[in-house]
Amino acid sequence: MKQNKVILIGYMGSGKSAVGLLLKKEIGLSFWDLDDYIEKQENTSIASLFSSRGELYFRSLERKCLDQLLADPNPMIIALGGGTPCYYDTMDFLTQNENTTTVYLKTSITELGARLFPTRISRPLIAHLQSEEELTEFIGKHLFERIPFYSHANFTISTDGQTSAEVAQKIATLLT
């Protein structure tokens, strides 16, 4: 594998963290979930950062932490937050960097709604939504804004109807 950083992107609930952990076993690289890395660096939760400092502060911190991981010379898998590729020049930077391979985990609005509704309270951007209909509408609007960024990934893998293990295996095959 020529690239030393595998970057998983996609909307929240697309399976980036679960796939990343399984891909770690498949290809033998270390794995970082960017949100977990941020929480470790800041010693607080993402939800707390959002509520106390706001989204703009969080997005700036998110990019700073991503830059730290990318500066590490060791090969690794990094699962980005759903919005990370859409802020600053992040997606262009990742796709133009010869040391990174970006993989978009593409998931339908219906599938995302079903996955996210039960856990929405723990996710700052959707915690306020009361019904699955509201959530589905929110996801649709968000994806409309984000797909132009996600679509620049080196590879796109559909996750609908597949287990995380199946998705990880597909990515491992692409990378070898």
C-alpha atoms as a PDB file:
ATOM      1  CA  MET A   1       0.000   0.000   0.000  1.00  0.00           C
ATOM      2  CA  LYS A   2       1.606   3.243  -1.179  1.00  0.00           C
ATOM      3  CA  GLN A   3      -0.471   5.617   0.922  1.00  0.00           C
ATOM      4  CA  ASN A   4       0.206   5.734   4.622  1.00  0.00           C
ATOM      5  CA  LYS A   5      -3.066   7.300   5.793  1.00  0.00           C
ATOM      6  CA  VAL A   6      -6.487   5.823   5.028  1.00  0.00           C
ATOM      7  CA  ILE A   7      -9.189   8.423   5.666  1.00  0.00           C
ATOM      8  CA  LEU A   8     -12.788   7.278   6.173  1.00  0.00           C
ATOM      9  CA  ILE A   9     -15.411   9.924   5.426  1.00  0.00           C
ATOM     10  CA  GLY A  10     -19.195   9.934   5.369  1.00  0.00           C
ATOM     11  CA  TYR A  11     -22.243  11.200   7.180  1.00  0.00           C
ATOM     12  CA  MET A  12     -22.693  10.457  10.873  1.00  0.00           C
ATOM     13  CA  GLY A  13     -24.040   6.941  11.235  1.00  0.00           C
ATOM     14  CA  SER A  14     -22.418   5.678   8.034  1.00  0.00           C
ATOM     15  CA  GLY A  15     -20.221   3.302  10.045  1.00  0.00           C
ATOM     16  CA  LYS A  16     -16.852   5.053   9.890  1.00  0.00           C
ATOM     17  CA  SER A  17     -15.810   4.115  13.432  1.00  0.00           C
ATOM     18  CA  ALA A  18     -17.053   0.530  13.288  1.00  0.00           C
ATOM     19  CA  VAL A  19     -15.519  -0.034   9.851  1.00  0.00           C
ATOM     20  CA  GLY A  20     -12.271   1.631  10.944  1.00  0.00           C
ATOM     21  CA  LEU A  21     -11.864  -0.736  13.885  1.00  0.00           C
ATOM     22  CA  LEU A  22     -12.448  -3.761  11.652  1.00  0.00           C
ATOM     23  CA  LEU A  23     -10.215  -2.398   8.890  1.00  0.00           C
ATOM     24  CA  LYS A  24      -7.466  -2.013  11.491  1.00  0.00           C
ATOM     25  CA  LYS A  25      -7.528  -5.794  11.930  1.00  0.00           C
ATOM     26  CA  GLU A  26      -7.750  -6.422   8.172  1.00  0.00           C
ATOM     27  CA  ILE A  27      -4.740  -4.355   7.119  1.00  0.00           C
ATOM     28  CA  GLY A  28      -2.762  -4.048  10.346  1.00  0.00           C
ATOM     29  CA  LEU A  29      -2.682  -0.267  10.752  1.00  0.00           C
ATOM     30  CA  SER A  30      -3.457   1.726  13.863  1.00  0.00           C
ATOM     31  CA  PHE A  31      -6.856   3.426  13.994  1.00  0.00           C
ATOM     32  CA  TRP A  32      -7.987   6.829  15.242  1.00  0.00           C
ATOM     33  CA  ASP A  33     -11.519   8.139  15.385  1.00  0.00           C
ATOM     34  CA  LEU A  34     -11.031  11.915  15.080  1.00  0.00           C
ATOM     35  CA  ASP A  35     -13.815  12.640  17.588  1.00  0.00           C
ATOM     36  CA  ASP A  36     -12.175  10.325  20.148  1.00  0.00           C
ATOM     37  CA  TYR A  37      -8.813  11.983  19.509  1.00  0.00           C
ATOM     38  CA  ILE A  38     -10.346  15.435  20.080  1.00  0.00           C
ATOM     39  CA  GLU A  39     -12.038  14.287  23.292  1.00  0.00           C
ATOM     40  CA  LYS A  40      -8.733  12.881  24.533  1.00  0.00           C
ATOM     41  CA  GLN A  41      -6.832  16.072  23.666  1.00  0.00           C
ATOM     42  CA  GLU A  42      -9.454  18.364  25.220  1.00  0.00           C
ATOM     43  CA  ASN A  43     -10.428  16.081  28.108  1.00  0.00           C
ATOM     44  CA  THR A  44     -14.124  16.675  27.411  1.00  0.00           C
ATOM     45  CA  SER A  45     -16.898  15.364  25.176  1.00  0.00           C
ATOM     46  CA  ILE A  46     -17.751  16.608  21.690  1.00  0.00           C
ATOM     47  CA  ALA A  47     -21.244  17.491  22.946  1.00  0.00           C
ATOM     48  CA  SER A  48     -19.718  19.603  25.718  1.00  0.00           C
ATOM     49  CA  LEU A  49     -17.405  21.373  23.254  1.00  0.00           C
ATOM     50  CA  PHE A  50     -20.361  22.159  20.991  1.00  0.00           C
ATOM     51  CA  SER A  51     -22.483  23.536  23.826  1.00  0.00           C
ATOM     52  CA  SER A  52     -19.744  25.492  25.616  1.00  0.00           C
ATOM     53  CA  ARG A  53     -17.626  26.766  22.712  1.00  0.00           C
ATOM     54  CA  GLY A  54     -19.864  26.486  19.639  1.00  0.00           C
ATOM     55  CA  GLU A  55     -19.563  24.784  16.271  1.00  0.00           C
ATOM     56  CA  LEU A  56     -17.023  27.204  14.766  1.00  0.00           C
ATOM     57  CA  TYR A  57     -14.588  26.630  17.629  1.00  0.00           C
ATOM     58  CA  PHE A  58     -15.134  22.895  17.311  1.00  0.00           C
ATOM     59  CA  ARG A  59     -14.479  22.917  13.544  1.00  0.00           C
ATOM     60  CA  SER A  60     -11.230  24.831  14.043  1.00  0.00           C
ATOM     61  CA  LEU A  61     -10.121  22.408  16.753  1.00  0.00           C
ATOM     62  CA  GLU A  62     -11.164  19.477  14.570  1.00  0.00           C
ATOM     63  CA  ARG A  63      -8.880  20.643  11.746  1.00  0.00           C
ATOM     64  CA  LYS A  64      -5.992  21.253  14.149  1.00  0.00           C
ATOM     65  CA  CYS A  65      -6.323  17.722  15.540  1.00  0.00           C
ATOM     66  CA  LEU A  66      -6.588  16.232  12.046  1.00  0.00           C
ATOM     67  CA  ASP A  67      -3.388  18.048  11.080  1.00  0.00           C
ATOM     68  CA  GLN A  68      -1.679  16.526  14.136  1.00  0.00           C
ATOM     69  CA  LEU A  69      -2.699  13.009  13.102  1.00  0.00           C
ATOM     70  CA  LEU A  70      -1.660  13.591   9.496  1.00  0.00           C
ATOM     71  CA  ALA A  71       1.750  14.860  10.653  1.00  0.00           C
ATOM     72  CA  ASP A  72       2.411  11.565  12.434  1.00  0.00           C
ATOM     73  CA  PRO A  73       4.808   9.625  10.174  1.00  0.00           C
ATOM     74  CA  ASN A  74       3.203   6.270  11.006  1.00  0.00           C
ATOM     75  CA  PRO A  75       0.615   4.712   8.687  1.00  0.00           C
ATOM     76  CA  MET A  76      -2.891   4.749  10.150  1.00  0.00           C
ATOM     77  CA  ILE A  77      -6.615   4.734   9.510  1.00  0.00           C
ATOM     78  CA  ILE A  78      -8.502   7.900  10.516  1.00  0.00           C
ATOM     79  CA  ALA A  79     -12.296   8.131  10.736  1.00  0.00           C
ATOM     80  CA  LEU A  80     -13.337  11.757  10.297  1.00  0.00           C
ATOM     81  CA  GLY A  81     -16.403  13.400  11.740  1.00  0.00           C
ATOM     82  CA  GLY A  82     -19.237  13.733   9.240  1.00  0.00           C
ATOM     83  CA  GLY A  83     -18.668  17.453   8.757  1.00  0.00           C
ATOM     84  CA  THR A  84     -14.868  17.473   8.790  1.00  0.00           C
ATOM     85  CA  PRO A  85     -14.396  17.266   4.991  1.00  0.00           C
ATOM     86  CA  CYS A  86     -16.766  20.213   4.496  1.00  0.00           C
ATOM     87  CA  TYR A  87     -14.860  22.861   6.424  1.00  0.00           C
ATOM     88  CA  TYR A  88     -11.833  24.891   5.437  1.00  0.00           C
ATOM     89  CA  ASP A  89      -9.933  23.235   2.577  1.00  0.00           C
ATOM     90  CA  THR A  90      -9.916  19.825   4.242  1.00  0.00           C
ATOM     91  CA  MET A  91     -11.279  17.699   1.391  1.00  0.00           C
ATOM     92  CA  ASP A  92      -9.033  19.304  -1.224  1.00  0.00           C
ATOM     93  CA  PHE A  93      -6.065  18.921   1.101  1.00  0.00           C
ATOM     94  CA  LEU A  94      -6.793  15.230   1.669  1.00  0.00           C
ATOM     95  CA  THR A  95      -7.407  14.330  -1.970  1.00  0.00           C
ATOM     96  CA  GLN A  96      -4.325  16.197  -3.184  1.00  0.00           C
ATOM     97  CA  ASN A  97      -2.049  14.664  -0.555  1.00  0.00           C
ATOM     98  CA  GLU A  98      -0.115  11.723  -2.017  1.00  0.00           C
ATOM     99  CA  ASN A  99       0.083  10.121   1.430  1.00  0.00           C
ATOM    100  CA  THR A 100      -3.672   9.788   1.926  1.00  0.00           C
ATOM    101  CA  THR A 101      -6.405   7.648   0.443  1.00  0.00           C
ATOM    102  CA  THR A 102      -9.946   8.845   1.114  1.00  0.00           C
ATOM    103  CA  VAL A 103     -12.877   6.425   1.235  1.00  0.00           C
ATOM    104  CA  TYR A 104     -16.468   7.694   1.309  1.00  0.00           C
ATOM    105  CA  LEU A 105     -18.886   5.375   3.110  1.00  0.00           C
ATOM    106  CA  LYS A 106     -22.044   6.191   1.186  1.00  0.00           C
ATOM    107  CA  THR A 107     -25.265   5.454   3.049  1.00  0.00           C
ATOM    108  CA  SER A 108     -28.844   6.220   1.995  1.00  0.00           C
ATOM    109  CA  ILE A 109     -30.964   8.763   3.852  1.00  0.00           C
ATOM    110  CA  THR A 110     -33.396   6.020   4.902  1.00  0.00           C
ATOM    111  CA  GLU A 111     -30.608   3.856   6.314  1.00  0.00           C
ATOM    112  CA  LEU A 112     -28.997   6.813   8.103  1.00  0.00           C
ATOM    113  CA  GLY A 113     -32.327   7.770   9.672  1.00  0.00           C
ATOM    114  CA  ALA A 114     -32.890   4.249  10.958  1.00  0.00           C
ATOM    115  CA  ARG A 115     -29.364   4.065  12.401  1.00  0.00           C
ATOM    116  CA  LEU A 116     -29.314   7.541  13.949  1.00  0.00           C
ATOM    117  CA  PHE A 117     -32.795   7.984  15.422  1.00  0.00           C
ATOM    118  CA  PRO A 118     -32.228   5.746  18.476  1.00  0.00           C
ATOM    119  CA  THR A 119     -28.902   7.476  19.321  1.00  0.00           C
ATOM    120  CA  ARG A 120     -29.700  11.061  18.297  1.00  0.00           C
ATOM    121  CA  ILE A 121     -29.618  12.426  21.864  1.00  0.00           C
ATOM    122  CA  SER A 122     -25.859  11.784  22.066  1.00  0.00           C
ATOM    123  CA  ARG A 123     -25.182  13.637  18.795  1.00  0.00           C
ATOM    124  CA  PRO A 124     -25.154  17.441  19.139  1.00  0.00           C
ATOM    125  CA  LEU A 125     -26.304  18.256  15.600  1.00  0.00           C
ATOM    126  CA  ILE A 126     -29.435  16.094  15.776  1.00  0.00           C
ATOM    127  CA  ALA A 127     -30.253  15.868  19.501  1.00  0.00           C
ATOM    128  CA  HIS A 128     -33.073  18.419  19.137  1.00  0.00           C
ATOM    129  CA  LEU A 129     -34.986  16.433  16.497  1.00  0.00           C
ATOM    130  CA  GLN A 130     -38.121  14.757  17.859  1.00  0.00           C
ATOM    131  CA  SER A 131     -39.307  12.423  15.099  1.00  0.00           C
ATOM    132  CA  GLU A 132     -37.818  10.150  12.480  1.00  0.00           C
ATOM    133  CA  GLU A 133     -39.453  12.342   9.816  1.00  0.00           C
ATOM    134  CA  GLU A 134     -37.676  15.441  11.134  1.00  0.00           C
ATOM    135  CA  LEU A 135     -34.412  13.518  11.246  1.00  0.00           C
ATOM    136  CA  THR A 136     -34.809  12.207   7.699  1.00  0.00           C
ATOM    137  CA  GLU A 137     -35.530  15.721   6.426  1.00  0.00           C
ATOM    138  CA  PHE A 138     -32.506  17.088   8.299  1.00  0.00           C
ATOM    139  CA  ILE A 139     -30.240  14.358   6.904  1.00  0.00           C
ATOM    140  CA  GLY A 140     -31.506  15.003   3.375  1.00  0.00           C
ATOM    141  CA  LYS A 141     -30.706  18.711   3.607  1.00  0.00           C
ATOM    142  CA  HIS A 142     -27.325  18.063   5.178  1.00  0.00           C
ATOM    143  CA  LEU A 143     -26.361  15.455   2.592  1.00  0.00           C
ATOM    144  CA  PHE A 144     -27.345  17.840  -0.190  1.00  0.00           C
ATOM    145  CA  GLU A 145     -24.749  20.255   1.223  1.00  0.00           C
ATOM    146  CA  ARG A 146     -22.098  17.652   1.982  1.00  0.00           C
ATOM    147  CA  ILE A 147     -22.199  15.312  -1.017  1.00  0.00           C
ATOM    148  CA  PRO A 148     -20.184  17.744  -3.173  1.00  0.00           C
ATOM    149  CA  PHE A 149     -17.348  17.307  -0.659  1.00  0.00           C
ATOM    150  CA  TYR A 150     -17.789  13.580  -0.059  1.00  0.00           C
ATOM    151  CA  SER A 151     -17.902  12.868  -3.792  1.00  0.00           C
ATOM    152  CA  HIS A 152     -14.255  13.906  -4.175  1.00  0.00           C
ATOM    153  CA  ALA A 153     -13.072  10.853  -2.230  1.00  0.00           C
ATOM    154  CA  ASN A 154     -10.674   8.490  -3.969  1.00  0.00           C
ATOM    155  CA  PHE A 155     -13.127   5.626  -3.450  1.00  0.00           C
ATOM    156  CA  THR A 156     -16.845   5.336  -2.665  1.00  0.00           C
ATOM    157  CA  ILE A 157     -18.279   2.268  -0.937  1.00  0.00           C
ATOM    158  CA  SER A 158     -22.035   1.812  -0.488  1.00  0.00           C
ATOM    159  CA  THR A 159     -22.827   0.602   3.025  1.00  0.00           C
ATOM    160  CA  ASP A 160     -26.560  -0.066   2.625  1.00  0.00           C
ATOM    161  CA  GLY A 161     -27.452  -3.664   3.422  1.00  0.00           C
ATOM    162  CA  GLN A 162     -23.870  -4.562   4.325  1.00  0.00           C
ATOM    163  CA  THR A 163     -22.246  -5.341   7.630  1.00  0.00           C
ATOM    164  CA  SER A 164     -19.308  -3.298   8.854  1.00  0.00           C
ATOM    165  CA  ALA A 165     -17.125  -6.368   8.316  1.00  0.00           C
ATOM    166  CA  GLU A 166     -18.183  -6.598   4.664  1.00  0.00           C
ATOM    167  CA  VAL A 167     -17.435  -2.909   4.128  1.00  0.00           C
ATOM    168  CA  ALA A 168     -14.031  -3.235   5.829  1.00  0.00           C
ATOM    169  CA  GLN A 169     -13.193  -6.223   3.611  1.00  0.00           C
ATOM    170  CA  LYS A 170     -14.107  -4.259   0.477  1.00  0.00           C
ATOM    171  CA  ILE A 171     -11.871  -1.387   1.535  1.00  0.00           C
ATOM    172  CA  ALA A 172      -9.005  -3.749   2.361  1.00  0.00           C
ATOM    173  CA  THR A 173      -9.317  -5.247  -1.126  1.00  0.00           C
ATOM    174  CA  LEU A 174      -9.255  -1.782  -2.717  1.00  0.00           C
ATOM    175  CA  LEU A 175      -6.102  -0.855  -0.838  1.00  0.00           C
ATOM    176  CA  THR A 176      -4.067  -3.912  -1.768  1.00  0.00           C
END
